[in-house]
């Protein structure tokens, strides 16, 4: 949580270029900062949305307060542990998204909070309507729902944003998105996991594969879950064997423990 002065200064500076200016900006920024609980994530998303809408602080406050009433039903603090300010800010940001951006966010919610390799966006989501995933990411970044590391060719979604997105979906919507993400990551998991030459592509996908297979298991999706789990097991076993079982990072040991100690003898799904 930022101090009152720091929160106001951040809002004023972050929106300086595009917000609609008003004589009471200092007072309105203070009011908005307090409504947002001076929480960094909420402040960042609010500033990005003000920039995108080119509205003033008062205009954003009106939108935000309307959205606060919308999220109260599913975002109860005693369940989520978050302030309503964060959920209302999330809702206000989501309302600015295109359909492609919203669909992408709902799928990313079921990946791990680890950085996502940019090349995943080059892989079409199987059995889903054709969408421009790169445009969707640009849409999300414009309202600070994702952070893009251009140099590292990866992007990330804050775990709180993921959690709020999942909670906004009903059971049918969740199952649909999990099914889509499972097929998406499986399609991207291209290469022989036992071949070291494939590891540069497969390893960045591993935490996301583990995440979506766990979600799929929770809702009872068998295929292609079994195939992806098998490939993940082969990959982690091969990396462990090459490292001699001694040079693994703690995260890699954790990943391996989730899938067992050895590879499956079958990689293809049953016919």
C-alpha atoms as a PDB file:
ATOM      1  CA  UNK A   1       0.000   0.000   0.000  1.00  0.00           C
ATOM      2  CA  UNK A   2       1.356   3.413  -0.998  1.00  0.00           C
ATOM      3  CA  UNK A   3       1.282   6.487   1.201  1.00  0.00           C
ATOM      4  CA  UNK A   4      -1.471   9.025   0.373  1.00  0.00           C
ATOM      5  CA  UNK A   5       0.998  11.454  -1.201  1.00  0.00           C
ATOM      6  CA  UNK A   6       2.750   8.737  -3.205  1.00  0.00           C
ATOM      7  CA  UNK A   7      -0.545   7.324  -4.502  1.00  0.00           C
ATOM      8  CA  UNK A   8      -1.766  10.738  -5.648  1.00  0.00           C
ATOM      9  CA  UNK A   9       1.593  11.554  -7.231  1.00  0.00           C
ATOM     10  CA  UNK A  10       1.537   8.268  -9.125  1.00  0.00           C
ATOM     11  CA  UNK A  11      -1.959   8.888 -10.527  1.00  0.00           C
ATOM     12  CA  UNK A  12      -1.127  12.429 -11.593  1.00  0.00           C
ATOM     13  CA  UNK A  13       2.155  11.477 -13.241  1.00  0.00           C
ATOM     14  CA  UNK A  14       0.984   8.247 -14.883  1.00  0.00           C
ATOM     15  CA  UNK A  15      -2.008   9.935 -16.537  1.00  0.00           C
ATOM     16  CA  UNK A  16      -0.429  13.304 -17.334  1.00  0.00           C
ATOM     17  CA  UNK A  17      -0.181  12.755 -21.081  1.00  0.00           C
ATOM     18  CA  UNK A  18      -3.746  11.737 -21.925  1.00  0.00           C
ATOM     19  CA  UNK A  19      -6.206  12.354 -19.132  1.00  0.00           C
ATOM     20  CA  UNK A  20      -8.840  15.054 -19.407  1.00  0.00           C
ATOM     21  CA  UNK A  21      -7.511  17.806 -17.146  1.00  0.00           C
ATOM     22  CA  UNK A  22      -9.643  19.574 -14.536  1.00  0.00           C
ATOM     23  CA  UNK A  23      -9.038  22.268 -11.948  1.00  0.00           C
ATOM     24  CA  UNK A  24      -9.751  19.807  -9.117  1.00  0.00           C
ATOM     25  CA  UNK A  25      -7.413  17.053 -10.350  1.00  0.00           C
ATOM     26  CA  UNK A  26      -5.419  16.974  -7.122  1.00  0.00           C
ATOM     27  CA  UNK A  27      -8.552  16.502  -5.010  1.00  0.00           C
ATOM     28  CA  UNK A  28     -10.048  13.980  -7.452  1.00  0.00           C
ATOM     29  CA  UNK A  29      -6.796  12.007  -7.573  1.00  0.00           C
ATOM     30  CA  UNK A  30      -6.747  11.899  -3.766  1.00  0.00           C
ATOM     31  CA  UNK A  31     -10.368  10.678  -3.711  1.00  0.00           C
ATOM     32  CA  UNK A  32      -9.642   8.001  -6.311  1.00  0.00           C
ATOM     33  CA  UNK A  33      -6.493   6.852  -4.517  1.00  0.00           C
ATOM     34  CA  UNK A  34      -8.419   6.434  -1.264  1.00  0.00           C
ATOM     35  CA  UNK A  35     -11.262   4.579  -3.010  1.00  0.00           C
ATOM     36  CA  UNK A  36      -8.648   2.215  -4.462  1.00  0.00           C
ATOM     37  CA  UNK A  37      -7.178   1.624  -1.028  1.00  0.00           C
ATOM     38  CA  UNK A  38      -3.884   3.048  -2.342  1.00  0.00           C
ATOM     39  CA  UNK A  39      -3.135  -0.475  -3.613  1.00  0.00           C
ATOM     40  CA  UNK A  40      -0.406  -0.525  -6.262  1.00  0.00           C
ATOM     41  CA  UNK A  41      -2.099  -3.010  -8.611  1.00  0.00           C
ATOM     42  CA  UNK A  42      -5.393  -1.109  -8.540  1.00  0.00           C
ATOM     43  CA  UNK A  43      -3.665   2.245  -9.043  1.00  0.00           C
ATOM     44  CA  UNK A  44      -1.694   0.943 -12.029  1.00  0.00           C
ATOM     45  CA  UNK A  45      -4.773  -0.493 -13.736  1.00  0.00           C
ATOM     46  CA  UNK A  46      -6.814   2.649 -13.051  1.00  0.00           C
ATOM     47  CA  UNK A  47      -4.115   4.878 -14.548  1.00  0.00           C
ATOM     48  CA  UNK A  48      -3.858   2.704 -17.656  1.00  0.00           C
ATOM     49  CA  UNK A  49      -7.629   2.759 -18.158  1.00  0.00           C
ATOM     50  CA  UNK A  50      -7.776   6.552 -17.732  1.00  0.00           C
ATOM     51  CA  UNK A  51      -5.050   6.809 -20.350  1.00  0.00           C
ATOM     52  CA  UNK A  52      -6.928   4.548 -22.741  1.00  0.00           C
ATOM     53  CA  UNK A  53     -10.288   6.285 -22.268  1.00  0.00           C
ATOM     54  CA  UNK A  54      -8.696   9.753 -22.117  1.00  0.00           C
ATOM     55  CA  UNK A  55     -11.134  10.624 -19.366  1.00  0.00           C
ATOM     56  CA  UNK A  56     -10.646  12.611 -16.191  1.00  0.00           C
ATOM     57  CA  UNK A  57     -10.414  11.350 -12.638  1.00  0.00           C
ATOM     58  CA  UNK A  58     -14.086  12.230 -11.976  1.00  0.00           C
ATOM     59  CA  UNK A  59     -15.190  10.344 -15.078  1.00  0.00           C
ATOM     60  CA  UNK A  60     -13.207   7.291 -14.061  1.00  0.00           C
ATOM     61  CA  UNK A  61     -14.569   7.456 -10.513  1.00  0.00           C
ATOM     62  CA  UNK A  62     -18.130   7.335 -11.838  1.00  0.00           C
ATOM     63  CA  UNK A  63     -17.374   4.270 -13.966  1.00  0.00           C
ATOM     64  CA  UNK A  64     -15.427   2.607 -11.141  1.00  0.00           C
ATOM     65  CA  UNK A  65     -18.190   3.093  -8.572  1.00  0.00           C
ATOM     66  CA  UNK A  66     -20.777   1.598 -10.903  1.00  0.00           C
ATOM     67  CA  UNK A  67     -18.544  -1.416 -11.421  1.00  0.00           C
ATOM     68  CA  UNK A  68     -17.983  -1.765  -7.686  1.00  0.00           C
ATOM     69  CA  UNK A  69     -21.661  -2.618  -7.287  1.00  0.00           C
ATOM     70  CA  UNK A  70     -21.393  -5.221 -10.050  1.00  0.00           C
ATOM     71  CA  UNK A  71     -18.579  -7.203  -8.419  1.00  0.00           C
ATOM     72  CA  UNK A  72     -19.921  -7.250  -4.858  1.00  0.00           C
ATOM     73  CA  UNK A  73     -21.947 -10.377  -5.592  1.00  0.00           C
ATOM     74  CA  UNK A  74     -18.988 -12.582  -6.535  1.00  0.00           C
ATOM     75  CA  UNK A  75     -15.981 -10.820  -5.027  1.00  0.00           C
ATOM     76  CA  UNK A  76     -16.652 -10.960  -1.307  1.00  0.00           C
ATOM     77  CA  UNK A  77     -13.572  -9.976   0.762  1.00  0.00           C
ATOM     78  CA  UNK A  78     -14.132 -12.768   3.285  1.00  0.00           C
ATOM     79  CA  UNK A  79     -13.778 -15.286   0.444  1.00  0.00           C
ATOM     80  CA  UNK A  80     -11.146 -13.724  -1.795  1.00  0.00           C
ATOM     81  CA  UNK A  81      -9.137 -11.833   0.798  1.00  0.00           C
ATOM     82  CA  UNK A  82      -8.950  -8.844  -1.548  1.00  0.00           C
ATOM     83  CA  UNK A  83     -10.359  -5.367  -1.212  1.00  0.00           C
ATOM     84  CA  UNK A  84     -13.380  -4.598  -3.359  1.00  0.00           C
ATOM     85  CA  UNK A  85     -11.241  -1.810  -4.806  1.00  0.00           C
ATOM     86  CA  UNK A  86      -9.097  -4.331  -6.683  1.00  0.00           C
ATOM     87  CA  UNK A  87     -12.056  -6.230  -8.120  1.00  0.00           C
ATOM     88  CA  UNK A  88     -13.851  -3.058  -9.172  1.00  0.00           C
ATOM     89  CA  UNK A  89     -10.689  -1.786 -10.850  1.00  0.00           C
ATOM     90  CA  UNK A  90     -10.290  -5.148 -12.579  1.00  0.00           C
ATOM     91  CA  UNK A  91     -13.897  -4.974 -13.829  1.00  0.00           C
ATOM     92  CA  UNK A  92     -13.425  -1.436 -15.100  1.00  0.00           C
ATOM     93  CA  UNK A  93     -10.317  -2.533 -17.029  1.00  0.00           C
ATOM     94  CA  UNK A  94     -12.001  -5.653 -18.427  1.00  0.00           C
ATOM     95  CA  UNK A  95     -14.905  -3.555 -19.697  1.00  0.00           C
ATOM     96  CA  UNK A  96     -12.471  -1.793 -22.044  1.00  0.00           C
ATOM     97  CA  UNK A  97     -11.311  -5.018 -23.706  1.00  0.00           C
ATOM     98  CA  UNK A  98     -12.188  -6.259 -27.155  1.00  0.00           C
ATOM     99  CA  UNK A  99     -13.673  -9.746 -27.428  1.00  0.00           C
ATOM    100  CA  UNK A 100     -10.255 -11.134 -28.411  1.00  0.00           C
ATOM    101  CA  UNK A 101      -8.658  -9.503 -25.376  1.00  0.00           C
ATOM    102  CA  UNK A 102     -11.297 -10.793 -22.984  1.00  0.00           C
ATOM    103  CA  UNK A 103     -11.101 -14.344 -24.335  1.00  0.00           C
ATOM    104  CA  UNK A 104      -7.311 -14.293 -24.062  1.00  0.00           C
ATOM    105  CA  UNK A 105      -7.461 -13.071 -20.455  1.00  0.00           C
ATOM    106  CA  UNK A 106      -9.918 -15.827 -19.527  1.00  0.00           C
ATOM    107  CA  UNK A 107      -7.563 -18.424 -20.974  1.00  0.00           C
ATOM    108  CA  UNK A 108      -4.441 -16.966 -19.372  1.00  0.00           C
ATOM    109  CA  UNK A 109      -6.221 -17.180 -16.014  1.00  0.00           C
ATOM    110  CA  UNK A 110      -5.693 -20.955 -16.048  1.00  0.00           C
ATOM    111  CA  UNK A 111      -1.967 -20.808 -16.780  1.00  0.00           C
ATOM    112  CA  UNK A 112       0.697 -20.501 -14.098  1.00  0.00           C
ATOM    113  CA  UNK A 113       1.662 -16.993 -12.889  1.00  0.00           C
ATOM    114  CA  UNK A 114       5.115 -17.604 -14.425  1.00  0.00           C
ATOM    115  CA  UNK A 115       6.174 -15.631 -17.531  1.00  0.00           C
ATOM    116  CA  UNK A 116       4.472 -16.865 -20.705  1.00  0.00           C
ATOM    117  CA  UNK A 117       6.671 -17.248 -23.810  1.00  0.00           C
ATOM    118  CA  UNK A 118       5.544 -14.943 -26.594  1.00  0.00           C
ATOM    119  CA  UNK A 119       5.635 -17.782 -29.125  1.00  0.00           C
ATOM    120  CA  UNK A 120       2.531 -19.278 -27.504  1.00  0.00           C
ATOM    121  CA  UNK A 121       0.558 -16.508 -29.222  1.00  0.00           C
ATOM    122  CA  UNK A 122       1.708 -17.888 -32.597  1.00  0.00           C
ATOM    123  CA  UNK A 123      -0.166 -21.121 -31.880  1.00  0.00           C
ATOM    124  CA  UNK A 124      -3.867 -21.137 -32.745  1.00  0.00           C
ATOM    125  CA  UNK A 125      -6.291 -22.207 -30.026  1.00  0.00           C
ATOM    126  CA  UNK A 126      -7.745 -25.512 -31.291  1.00  0.00           C
ATOM    127  CA  UNK A 127     -11.500 -25.635 -31.944  1.00  0.00           C
ATOM    128  CA  UNK A 128     -11.899 -21.948 -31.104  1.00  0.00           C
ATOM    129  CA  UNK A 129     -13.027 -19.117 -33.327  1.00  0.00           C
ATOM    130  CA  UNK A 130     -10.122 -17.530 -35.188  1.00  0.00           C
ATOM    131  CA  UNK A 131      -8.680 -14.705 -33.098  1.00  0.00           C
ATOM    132  CA  UNK A 132      -5.616 -12.477 -33.292  1.00  0.00           C
ATOM    133  CA  UNK A 133      -3.893 -13.399 -30.051  1.00  0.00           C
ATOM    134  CA  UNK A 134      -1.208 -10.745 -30.486  1.00  0.00           C
ATOM    135  CA  UNK A 135      -3.888  -8.059 -30.789  1.00  0.00           C
ATOM    136  CA  UNK A 136      -5.511  -9.520 -27.691  1.00  0.00           C
ATOM    137  CA  UNK A 137      -2.249  -9.154 -25.763  1.00  0.00           C
ATOM    138  CA  UNK A 138      -1.866  -5.540 -26.919  1.00  0.00           C
ATOM    139  CA  UNK A 139      -5.388  -4.932 -25.647  1.00  0.00           C
ATOM    140  CA  UNK A 140      -4.569  -6.415 -22.231  1.00  0.00           C
ATOM    141  CA  UNK A 141      -1.305  -4.494 -21.931  1.00  0.00           C
ATOM    142  CA  UNK A 142      -3.071  -1.208 -22.717  1.00  0.00           C
ATOM    143  CA  UNK A 143      -5.022  -1.454 -19.438  1.00  0.00           C
ATOM    144  CA  UNK A 144      -2.168  -3.073 -17.439  1.00  0.00           C
ATOM    145  CA  UNK A 145      -3.800  -6.490 -17.201  1.00  0.00           C
ATOM    146  CA  UNK A 146      -0.551  -7.945 -18.529  1.00  0.00           C
ATOM    147  CA  UNK A 147       3.079  -6.912 -18.344  1.00  0.00           C
ATOM    148  CA  UNK A 148       5.071  -7.419 -21.543  1.00  0.00           C
ATOM    149  CA  UNK A 149       8.811  -8.040 -21.543  1.00  0.00           C
ATOM    150  CA  UNK A 150       9.658  -7.279 -25.172  1.00  0.00           C
ATOM    151  CA  UNK A 151      13.366  -7.954 -24.789  1.00  0.00           C
ATOM    152  CA  UNK A 152      12.746 -11.270 -23.071  1.00  0.00           C
ATOM    153  CA  UNK A 153       9.987 -12.185 -25.545  1.00  0.00           C
ATOM    154  CA  UNK A 154       7.566 -13.052 -22.793  1.00  0.00           C
ATOM    155  CA  UNK A 155       4.668 -11.579 -20.844  1.00  0.00           C
ATOM    156  CA  UNK A 156       3.009 -12.187 -17.494  1.00  0.00           C
ATOM    157  CA  UNK A 157      -0.331 -11.831 -15.748  1.00  0.00           C
ATOM    158  CA  UNK A 158      -0.463 -10.976 -12.053  1.00  0.00           C
ATOM    159  CA  UNK A 159      -1.794 -13.877  -9.978  1.00  0.00           C
ATOM    160  CA  UNK A 160      -4.470 -11.594  -8.473  1.00  0.00           C
ATOM    161  CA  UNK A 161      -5.702 -10.723 -11.965  1.00  0.00           C
ATOM    162  CA  UNK A 162      -5.802 -14.437 -12.786  1.00  0.00           C
ATOM    163  CA  UNK A 163      -7.744 -15.229  -9.637  1.00  0.00           C
ATOM    164  CA  UNK A 164     -10.290 -12.463 -10.159  1.00  0.00           C
ATOM    165  CA  UNK A 165     -10.772 -13.535 -13.770  1.00  0.00           C
ATOM    166  CA  UNK A 166     -11.404 -17.153 -12.781  1.00  0.00           C
ATOM    167  CA  UNK A 167     -13.886 -16.083 -10.089  1.00  0.00           C
ATOM    168  CA  UNK A 168     -15.844 -14.069 -12.642  1.00  0.00           C
ATOM    169  CA  UNK A 169     -16.554 -17.218 -14.705  1.00  0.00           C
ATOM    170  CA  UNK A 170     -19.335 -19.699 -14.020  1.00  0.00           C
ATOM    171  CA  UNK A 171     -18.728 -23.463 -14.124  1.00  0.00           C
ATOM    172  CA  UNK A 172     -19.643 -23.808 -17.803  1.00  0.00           C
ATOM    173  CA  UNK A 173     -17.422 -20.922 -18.859  1.00  0.00           C
ATOM    174  CA  UNK A 174     -14.533 -22.226 -16.752  1.00  0.00           C
ATOM    175  CA  UNK A 175     -14.725 -25.680 -18.304  1.00  0.00           C
ATOM    176  CA  UNK A 176     -14.789 -24.193 -21.800  1.00  0.00           C
ATOM    177  CA  UNK A 177     -11.717 -22.056 -21.152  1.00  0.00           C
ATOM    178  CA  UNK A 178      -9.835 -24.922 -19.475  1.00  0.00           C
ATOM    179  CA  UNK A 179     -10.599 -27.142 -22.479  1.00  0.00           C
ATOM    180  CA  UNK A 180      -9.341 -24.458 -24.861  1.00  0.00           C
ATOM    181  CA  UNK A 181      -6.161 -23.786 -22.859  1.00  0.00           C
ATOM    182  CA  UNK A 182      -5.415 -27.488 -22.542  1.00  0.00           C
ATOM    183  CA  UNK A 183      -5.596 -27.924 -26.309  1.00  0.00           C
ATOM    184  CA  UNK A 184      -3.618 -24.709 -26.835  1.00  0.00           C
ATOM    185  CA  UNK A 185      -0.693 -25.648 -24.591  1.00  0.00           C
ATOM    186  CA  UNK A 186      -0.705 -29.226 -25.936  1.00  0.00           C
ATOM    187  CA  UNK A 187      -0.469 -27.901 -29.500  1.00  0.00           C
ATOM    188  CA  UNK A 188       2.403 -25.593 -28.496  1.00  0.00           C
ATOM    189  CA  UNK A 189       4.233 -28.418 -26.698  1.00  0.00           C
ATOM    190  CA  UNK A 190       5.789 -29.408 -30.008  1.00  0.00           C
ATOM    191  CA  UNK A 191       8.943 -31.507 -30.042  1.00  0.00           C
ATOM    192  CA  UNK A 192      10.407 -34.609 -28.486  1.00  0.00           C
ATOM    193  CA  UNK A 193      10.601 -33.920 -24.725  1.00  0.00           C
ATOM    194  CA  UNK A 194      13.454 -36.422 -24.373  1.00  0.00           C
ATOM    195  CA  UNK A 195      15.564 -34.530 -26.937  1.00  0.00           C
ATOM    196  CA  UNK A 196      17.684 -31.737 -25.476  1.00  0.00           C
ATOM    197  CA  UNK A 197      17.228 -29.756 -28.691  1.00  0.00           C
ATOM    198  CA  UNK A 198      13.520 -29.339 -27.837  1.00  0.00           C
ATOM    199  CA  UNK A 199      14.042 -28.088 -24.311  1.00  0.00           C
ATOM    200  CA  UNK A 200      14.481 -24.401 -25.196  1.00  0.00           C
ATOM    201  CA  UNK A 201      10.894 -24.413 -26.450  1.00  0.00           C
ATOM    202  CA  UNK A 202       9.319 -26.858 -24.032  1.00  0.00           C
ATOM    203  CA  UNK A 203      10.808 -25.753 -20.716  1.00  0.00           C
ATOM    204  CA  UNK A 204       9.148 -22.277 -20.671  1.00  0.00           C
ATOM    205  CA  UNK A 205       5.821 -24.013 -21.271  1.00  0.00           C
ATOM    206  CA  UNK A 206       6.290 -26.505 -18.427  1.00  0.00           C
ATOM    207  CA  UNK A 207       4.766 -24.509 -15.527  1.00  0.00           C
ATOM    208  CA  UNK A 208       1.784 -23.648 -17.710  1.00  0.00           C
ATOM    209  CA  UNK A 209       1.368 -27.255 -18.768  1.00  0.00           C
ATOM    210  CA  UNK A 210       1.410 -28.332 -15.130  1.00  0.00           C
ATOM    211  CA  UNK A 211      -1.135 -25.671 -14.227  1.00  0.00           C
ATOM    212  CA  UNK A 212      -3.642 -26.485 -16.951  1.00  0.00           C
ATOM    213  CA  UNK A 213      -3.356 -30.261 -16.448  1.00  0.00           C
ATOM    214  CA  UNK A 214      -4.250 -29.748 -12.796  1.00  0.00           C
ATOM    215  CA  UNK A 215      -7.256 -27.612 -13.721  1.00  0.00           C
ATOM    216  CA  UNK A 216      -8.298 -30.177 -16.331  1.00  0.00           C
ATOM    217  CA  UNK A 217      -8.025 -32.977 -13.793  1.00  0.00           C
ATOM    218  CA  UNK A 218     -10.224 -31.012 -11.385  1.00  0.00           C
ATOM    219  CA  UNK A 219     -13.044 -30.766 -13.946  1.00  0.00           C
ATOM    220  CA  UNK A 220     -12.616 -34.316 -15.269  1.00  0.00           C
ATOM    221  CA  UNK A 221     -11.103 -33.690 -18.714  1.00  0.00           C
ATOM    222  CA  UNK A 222      -9.155 -36.805 -19.733  1.00  0.00           C
ATOM    223  CA  UNK A 223      -7.848 -36.048 -23.231  1.00  0.00           C
ATOM    224  CA  UNK A 224      -5.579 -34.469 -24.258  1.00  0.00           C
ATOM    225  CA  UNK A 225      -4.719 -34.100 -20.565  1.00  0.00           C
ATOM    226  CA  UNK A 226      -3.156 -37.568 -20.313  1.00  0.00           C
ATOM    227  CA  UNK A 227      -0.905 -36.918 -23.307  1.00  0.00           C
ATOM    228  CA  UNK A 228       0.318 -33.554 -22.019  1.00  0.00           C
ATOM    229  CA  UNK A 229       0.967 -34.960 -18.546  1.00  0.00           C
ATOM    230  CA  UNK A 230       2.954 -37.795 -20.106  1.00  0.00           C
ATOM    231  CA  UNK A 231       5.054 -35.411 -22.199  1.00  0.00           C
ATOM    232  CA  UNK A 232       5.690 -33.218 -19.160  1.00  0.00           C
ATOM    233  CA  UNK A 233       6.827 -36.281 -17.221  1.00  0.00           C
ATOM    234  CA  UNK A 234       9.209 -37.313 -20.006  1.00  0.00           C
ATOM    235  CA  UNK A 235      10.662 -33.792 -20.171  1.00  0.00           C
ATOM    236  CA  UNK A 236      11.246 -33.410 -16.446  1.00  0.00           C
ATOM    237  CA  UNK A 237      12.663 -36.918 -16.134  1.00  0.00           C
ATOM    238  CA  UNK A 238      15.062 -36.277 -19.039  1.00  0.00           C
ATOM    239  CA  UNK A 239      16.232 -32.974 -17.539  1.00  0.00           C
ATOM    240  CA  UNK A 240      16.713 -34.648 -14.161  1.00  0.00           C
ATOM    241  CA  UNK A 241      18.699 -37.505 -15.706  1.00  0.00           C
ATOM    242  CA  UNK A 242      20.923 -35.121 -17.670  1.00  0.00           C
ATOM    243  CA  UNK A 243      21.602 -33.068 -14.544  1.00  0.00           C
ATOM    244  CA  UNK A 244      22.460 -36.216 -12.625  1.00  0.00           C
ATOM    245  CA  UNK A 245      19.672 -35.430 -10.174  1.00  0.00           C
ATOM    246  CA  UNK A 246      21.907 -32.968  -8.324  1.00  0.00           C
ATOM    247  CA  UNK A 247      21.946 -29.702 -10.247  1.00  0.00           C
ATOM    248  CA  UNK A 248      18.237 -29.030 -10.427  1.00  0.00           C
ATOM    249  CA  UNK A 249      16.719 -25.797  -9.254  1.00  0.00           C
ATOM    250  CA  UNK A 250      14.129 -26.006  -6.502  1.00  0.00           C
ATOM    251  CA  UNK A 251      11.412 -25.030  -8.991  1.00  0.00           C
ATOM    252  CA  UNK A 252      12.425 -27.869 -11.304  1.00  0.00           C
ATOM    253  CA  UNK A 253      12.368 -30.352  -8.407  1.00  0.00           C
ATOM    254  CA  UNK A 254       8.908 -29.100  -7.495  1.00  0.00           C
ATOM    255  CA  UNK A 255       7.726 -29.569 -11.066  1.00  0.00           C
ATOM    256  CA  UNK A 256       9.067 -33.105 -11.213  1.00  0.00           C
ATOM    257  CA  UNK A 257       7.472 -34.054  -7.900  1.00  0.00           C
ATOM    258  CA  UNK A 258       4.067 -33.082  -9.254  1.00  0.00           C
ATOM    259  CA  UNK A 259       4.351 -35.704 -11.997  1.00  0.00           C
ATOM    260  CA  UNK A 260       6.217 -38.527 -10.290  1.00  0.00           C
ATOM    261  CA  UNK A 261       9.756 -39.793 -10.676  1.00  0.00           C
ATOM    262  CA  UNK A 262       9.793 -41.406 -14.098  1.00  0.00           C
ATOM    263  CA  UNK A 263       8.439 -41.018 -17.612  1.00  0.00           C
ATOM    264  CA  UNK A 264       5.375 -42.764 -18.918  1.00  0.00           C
ATOM    265  CA  UNK A 265       6.013 -45.568 -21.372  1.00  0.00           C
ATOM    266  CA  UNK A 266       3.266 -44.198 -23.601  1.00  0.00           C
ATOM    267  CA  UNK A 267       3.126 -40.702 -25.049  1.00  0.00           C
ATOM    268  CA  UNK A 268       0.246 -40.969 -27.512  1.00  0.00           C
ATOM    269  CA  UNK A 269      -3.369 -40.854 -26.363  1.00  0.00           C
ATOM    270  CA  UNK A 270      -5.330 -44.078 -26.652  1.00  0.00           C
ATOM    271  CA  UNK A 271      -7.125 -44.496 -29.964  1.00  0.00           C
END
